[in-house]
């Protein structure tokens, strides 16, 4: 009997997993496919987990990109006011 995947249920489960759990599940599914314990089920399950992992990484990269741009804009604004960046005990101050 062939196992049928519950796409919505697996996607919901993936949303509740940590990044480490997702990586483990992706690797586990890939190992099942390599060993031939598949029938298409584990490759489908792995694709759901990979999609969730990619979605999180894309969102993380977008946040980081916005943060870098905000820092760059702030630095330009401070320099345009004649201020300089000073590092004291590992902290950055503008003076």
N, C-alpha and C. Protein backbone atom coordinates (compact mmCIF):
# COMPACT_ATOMS: atom_id res chain seq x y z
N UNK A 1 0.84 -1.18 0.00
CA UNK A 1 0.00 0.00 0.00
C UNK A 1 0.89 1.25 0.00
N UNK A 2 0.56 2.17 -0.85
CA UNK A 2 1.35 3.39 -0.99
C UNK A 2 0.88 4.44 0.01
N UNK A 3 1.85 5.07 0.69
CA UNK A 3 1.52 6.12 1.65
C UNK A 3 1.13 7.39 0.90
N UNK A 4 0.11 8.05 1.36
CA UNK A 4 -0.32 9.33 0.78
C UNK A 4 0.09 10.44 1.74
N UNK A 5 0.63 11.50 1.18
CA UNK A 5 1.10 12.60 2.02
C UNK A 5 -0.02 13.62 2.25
N UNK A 6 -0.12 14.09 3.46
CA UNK A 6 -1.05 15.17 3.82
C UNK A 6 -0.28 16.49 3.68
N UNK A 7 -0.38 17.12 2.51
CA UNK A 7 0.42 18.31 2.20
C UNK A 7 0.19 19.43 3.21
N UNK A 8 -1.07 19.71 3.52
CA UNK A 8 -1.37 20.80 4.45
C UNK A 8 -0.90 20.48 5.86
N UNK A 9 -1.07 19.24 6.27
CA UNK A 9 -0.64 18.84 7.60
C UNK A 9 0.88 18.91 7.75
N UNK A 10 1.61 18.44 6.73
CA UNK A 10 3.07 18.51 6.78
C UNK A 10 3.56 19.96 6.73
N UNK A 11 2.89 20.80 5.93
CA UNK A 11 3.29 22.21 5.86
C UNK A 11 3.07 22.89 7.21
N UNK A 12 1.97 22.56 7.87
CA UNK A 12 1.70 23.11 9.20
C UNK A 12 2.74 22.64 10.20
N UNK A 13 3.10 21.37 10.11
CA UNK A 13 4.13 20.81 10.99
C UNK A 13 5.46 21.52 10.75
N UNK A 14 5.79 21.76 9.48
CA UNK A 14 7.06 22.42 9.13
C UNK A 14 7.10 23.84 9.68
N UNK A 15 5.98 24.54 9.66
CA UNK A 15 5.95 25.91 10.20
C UNK A 15 6.25 25.94 11.69
N UNK A 16 5.93 24.86 12.40
CA UNK A 16 6.16 24.81 13.84
C UNK A 16 7.54 24.30 14.23
N UNK A 17 8.35 23.90 13.24
CA UNK A 17 9.67 23.35 13.54
C UNK A 17 10.72 24.45 13.61
N UNK A 18 11.77 24.20 14.39
CA UNK A 18 12.90 25.12 14.41
C UNK A 18 13.73 24.89 13.15
N UNK A 19 14.67 25.78 12.88
CA UNK A 19 15.55 25.61 11.72
C UNK A 19 16.36 24.32 11.82
N UNK A 20 16.84 24.02 13.01
CA UNK A 20 17.63 22.79 13.21
C UNK A 20 16.76 21.55 12.95
N UNK A 21 15.53 21.58 13.42
CA UNK A 21 14.62 20.45 13.19
C UNK A 21 14.32 20.30 11.70
N UNK A 22 14.15 21.42 11.02
CA UNK A 22 13.91 21.37 9.58
C UNK A 22 15.10 20.75 8.85
N UNK A 23 16.31 21.21 9.20
CA UNK A 23 17.52 20.66 8.55
C UNK A 23 17.60 19.15 8.79
N UNK A 24 17.34 18.71 10.00
CA UNK A 24 17.38 17.28 10.31
C UNK A 24 16.34 16.53 9.49
N UNK A 25 15.11 17.07 9.42
CA UNK A 25 14.04 16.40 8.66
C UNK A 25 14.38 16.34 7.18
N UNK A 26 14.97 17.42 6.64
CA UNK A 26 15.37 17.43 5.23
C UNK A 26 16.42 16.36 4.98
N UNK A 27 17.43 16.29 5.84
CA UNK A 27 18.49 15.29 5.69
C UNK A 27 17.93 13.87 5.84
N UNK A 28 17.00 13.69 6.78
CA UNK A 28 16.40 12.38 7.00
C UNK A 28 15.61 11.93 5.77
N UNK A 29 14.83 12.83 5.18
CA UNK A 29 14.07 12.50 3.97
C UNK A 29 15.02 12.16 2.82
N UNK A 30 16.09 12.93 2.69
CA UNK A 30 17.06 12.67 1.62
C UNK A 30 17.70 11.29 1.81
N UNK A 31 17.98 10.93 3.04
CA UNK A 31 18.57 9.61 3.32
C UNK A 31 17.58 8.50 2.98
N UNK A 32 16.31 8.70 3.28
CA UNK A 32 15.28 7.70 2.93
C UNK A 32 15.19 7.53 1.41
N UNK A 33 15.27 8.62 0.68
CA UNK A 33 15.23 8.56 -0.78
C UNK A 33 16.45 7.81 -1.30
N UNK A 34 17.64 8.12 -0.75
CA UNK A 34 18.88 7.44 -1.16
C UNK A 34 18.82 5.93 -0.90
N UNK A 35 18.19 5.55 0.21
CA UNK A 35 18.12 4.13 0.57
C UNK A 35 16.99 3.40 -0.16
N UNK A 36 16.16 4.14 -0.87
CA UNK A 36 15.08 3.52 -1.63
C UNK A 36 13.82 3.26 -0.83
N UNK A 37 13.71 3.87 0.34
CA UNK A 37 12.52 3.72 1.19
C UNK A 37 11.57 4.86 0.84
N UNK A 38 11.23 4.97 -0.45
CA UNK A 38 10.59 6.20 -0.87
C UNK A 38 9.17 5.98 -1.36
N UNK A 39 9.03 5.59 -2.59
CA UNK A 39 7.71 5.52 -3.19
C UNK A 39 7.17 6.91 -3.46
N UNK A 40 8.03 7.92 -3.41
CA UNK A 40 7.61 9.30 -3.65
C UNK A 40 7.22 10.06 -2.40
N UNK A 41 6.91 9.34 -1.32
CA UNK A 41 6.44 9.99 -0.09
C UNK A 41 7.51 10.87 0.53
N UNK A 42 8.71 10.32 0.73
CA UNK A 42 9.75 11.07 1.43
C UNK A 42 10.33 12.19 0.57
N UNK A 43 10.34 12.01 -0.74
CA UNK A 43 10.80 13.12 -1.59
C UNK A 43 9.79 14.27 -1.52
N UNK A 44 8.48 13.95 -1.47
CA UNK A 44 7.46 14.99 -1.33
C UNK A 44 7.55 15.67 0.03
N UNK A 45 7.74 14.87 1.08
CA UNK A 45 7.86 15.43 2.43
C UNK A 45 9.09 16.34 2.52
N UNK A 46 10.20 15.89 1.93
CA UNK A 46 11.41 16.70 1.93
C UNK A 46 11.22 18.01 1.19
N UNK A 47 10.44 17.98 0.10
CA UNK A 47 10.22 19.22 -0.66
C UNK A 47 9.41 20.23 0.16
N UNK A 48 8.50 19.75 0.98
CA UNK A 48 7.72 20.65 1.85
C UNK A 48 8.65 21.30 2.87
N UNK A 49 9.53 20.50 3.47
CA UNK A 49 10.46 21.03 4.47
C UNK A 49 11.46 21.99 3.83
N UNK A 50 11.93 21.66 2.63
CA UNK A 50 12.88 22.55 1.94
C UNK A 50 12.22 23.88 1.59
N UNK A 51 10.95 23.84 1.18
CA UNK A 51 10.23 25.07 0.84
C UNK A 51 10.11 25.98 2.07
N UNK A 52 9.79 25.39 3.22
CA UNK A 52 9.67 26.18 4.46
C UNK A 52 11.03 26.75 4.85
N UNK A 53 12.08 25.95 4.73
CA UNK A 53 13.43 26.40 5.07
C UNK A 53 13.86 27.55 4.17
N UNK A 54 13.58 27.43 2.87
CA UNK A 54 13.92 28.48 1.92
C UNK A 54 13.13 29.76 2.21
N UNK A 55 11.85 29.60 2.54
CA UNK A 55 11.02 30.77 2.87
C UNK A 55 11.60 31.53 4.06
N UNK A 56 12.03 30.80 5.08
CA UNK A 56 12.63 31.44 6.25
C UNK A 56 13.95 32.13 5.91
N UNK A 57 14.79 31.46 5.12
CA UNK A 57 16.07 32.06 4.75
C UNK A 57 15.88 33.31 3.90
N UNK A 58 14.91 33.27 2.98
CA UNK A 58 14.64 34.44 2.15
C UNK A 58 14.15 35.61 3.01
N UNK A 59 13.30 35.33 3.99
CA UNK A 59 12.80 36.38 4.87
C UNK A 59 13.94 36.94 5.72
N UNK A 60 14.82 36.06 6.20
CA UNK A 60 15.96 36.48 7.01
C UNK A 60 16.90 37.37 6.19
N UNK A 61 17.16 36.97 4.95
CA UNK A 61 18.03 37.77 4.08
C UNK A 61 17.41 39.13 3.79
N UNK A 62 16.10 39.18 3.59
CA UNK A 62 15.43 40.45 3.32
C UNK A 62 15.54 41.38 4.54
N UNK A 63 15.35 40.83 5.75
CA UNK A 63 15.49 41.64 6.97
C UNK A 63 16.90 42.16 7.11
N UNK A 64 17.89 41.30 6.86
CA UNK A 64 19.29 41.72 6.96
C UNK A 64 19.62 42.80 5.93
N UNK A 65 19.09 42.65 4.72
CA UNK A 65 19.32 43.64 3.67
C UNK A 65 18.74 45.00 4.07
N UNK A 66 17.51 44.99 4.63
CA UNK A 66 16.88 46.24 5.08
C UNK A 66 17.68 46.86 6.22
N UNK A 67 18.16 46.03 7.16
CA UNK A 67 18.94 46.54 8.29
C UNK A 67 20.24 47.18 7.82
N UNK A 68 20.92 46.53 6.86
CA UNK A 68 22.16 47.11 6.32
C UNK A 68 21.88 48.45 5.64
N UNK A 69 20.79 48.51 4.88
CA UNK A 69 20.44 49.75 4.20
C UNK A 69 20.09 50.85 5.20
N UNK A 70 19.37 50.49 6.26
CA UNK A 70 19.04 51.48 7.30
C UNK A 70 20.30 52.01 7.98
N UNK A 71 21.25 51.11 8.30
CA UNK A 71 22.50 51.55 8.91
C UNK A 71 23.28 52.46 7.98
N UNK A 72 23.31 52.10 6.71
CA UNK A 72 24.02 52.92 5.73
C UNK A 72 23.39 54.31 5.62
N UNK A 73 22.06 54.37 5.58
CA UNK A 73 21.36 55.66 5.50
C UNK A 73 21.60 56.50 6.75
N UNK A 74 21.57 55.85 7.92
CA UNK A 74 21.82 56.57 9.17
C UNK A 74 23.24 57.13 9.18
N UNK A 75 24.20 56.30 8.78
CA UNK A 75 25.60 56.74 8.76
C UNK A 75 25.78 57.93 7.82
N UNK A 76 25.16 57.87 6.63
CA UNK A 76 25.26 58.99 5.69
C UNK A 76 24.65 60.26 6.29
N UNK A 77 23.52 60.12 6.97
CA UNK A 77 22.87 61.29 7.57
C UNK A 77 23.74 61.89 8.66
N UNK A 78 24.34 61.05 9.49
CA UNK A 78 25.19 61.54 10.57
C UNK A 78 26.43 62.23 10.00
N UNK A 79 27.03 61.63 8.98
CA UNK A 79 28.22 62.25 8.38
C UNK A 79 27.89 63.58 7.70
N UNK A 80 26.68 63.66 7.11
CA UNK A 80 26.28 64.91 6.46
C UNK A 80 26.10 66.04 7.48
N UNK A 81 25.89 65.68 8.75
CA UNK A 81 25.78 66.69 9.81
C UNK A 81 27.14 66.98 10.43
N UNK A 82 28.21 66.39 9.87
CA UNK A 82 29.55 66.65 10.36
C UNK A 82 29.97 65.80 11.54
N UNK A 83 29.23 64.75 11.83
CA UNK A 83 29.57 63.89 12.96
C UNK A 83 30.51 62.78 12.51
N UNK A 84 31.29 62.27 13.45
CA UNK A 84 32.19 61.15 13.16
C UNK A 84 31.87 60.00 14.10
N UNK A 85 32.14 58.81 13.62
CA UNK A 85 31.88 57.59 14.39
C UNK A 85 33.09 57.31 15.27
N UNK A 86 32.84 57.02 16.56
CA UNK A 86 33.91 56.73 17.51
C UNK A 86 33.57 55.43 18.23
N UNK A 87 34.56 54.55 18.36
CA UNK A 87 34.36 53.30 19.07
C UNK A 87 35.01 53.40 20.45
N UNK A 88 34.21 53.17 21.50
CA UNK A 88 34.72 53.22 22.87
C UNK A 88 34.29 51.93 23.57
N UNK A 89 35.28 51.16 24.02
CA UNK A 89 35.01 49.90 24.72
C UNK A 89 34.05 49.01 23.93
N UNK A 90 34.25 48.93 22.63
CA UNK A 90 33.43 48.05 21.79
C UNK A 90 32.10 48.63 21.39
N UNK A 91 31.75 49.80 21.88
CA UNK A 91 30.48 50.44 21.51
C UNK A 91 30.77 51.59 20.57
N UNK A 92 29.82 51.84 19.68
CA UNK A 92 29.99 52.90 18.69
C UNK A 92 29.15 54.11 19.09
N UNK A 93 29.79 55.27 19.09
CA UNK A 93 29.12 56.53 19.41
C UNK A 93 29.36 57.51 18.27
N UNK A 94 28.47 58.46 18.14
CA UNK A 94 28.63 59.54 17.17
C UNK A 94 28.95 60.81 17.94
N UNK A 95 29.94 61.58 17.46
CA UNK A 95 30.26 62.85 18.15
C UNK A 95 30.55 63.92 17.12
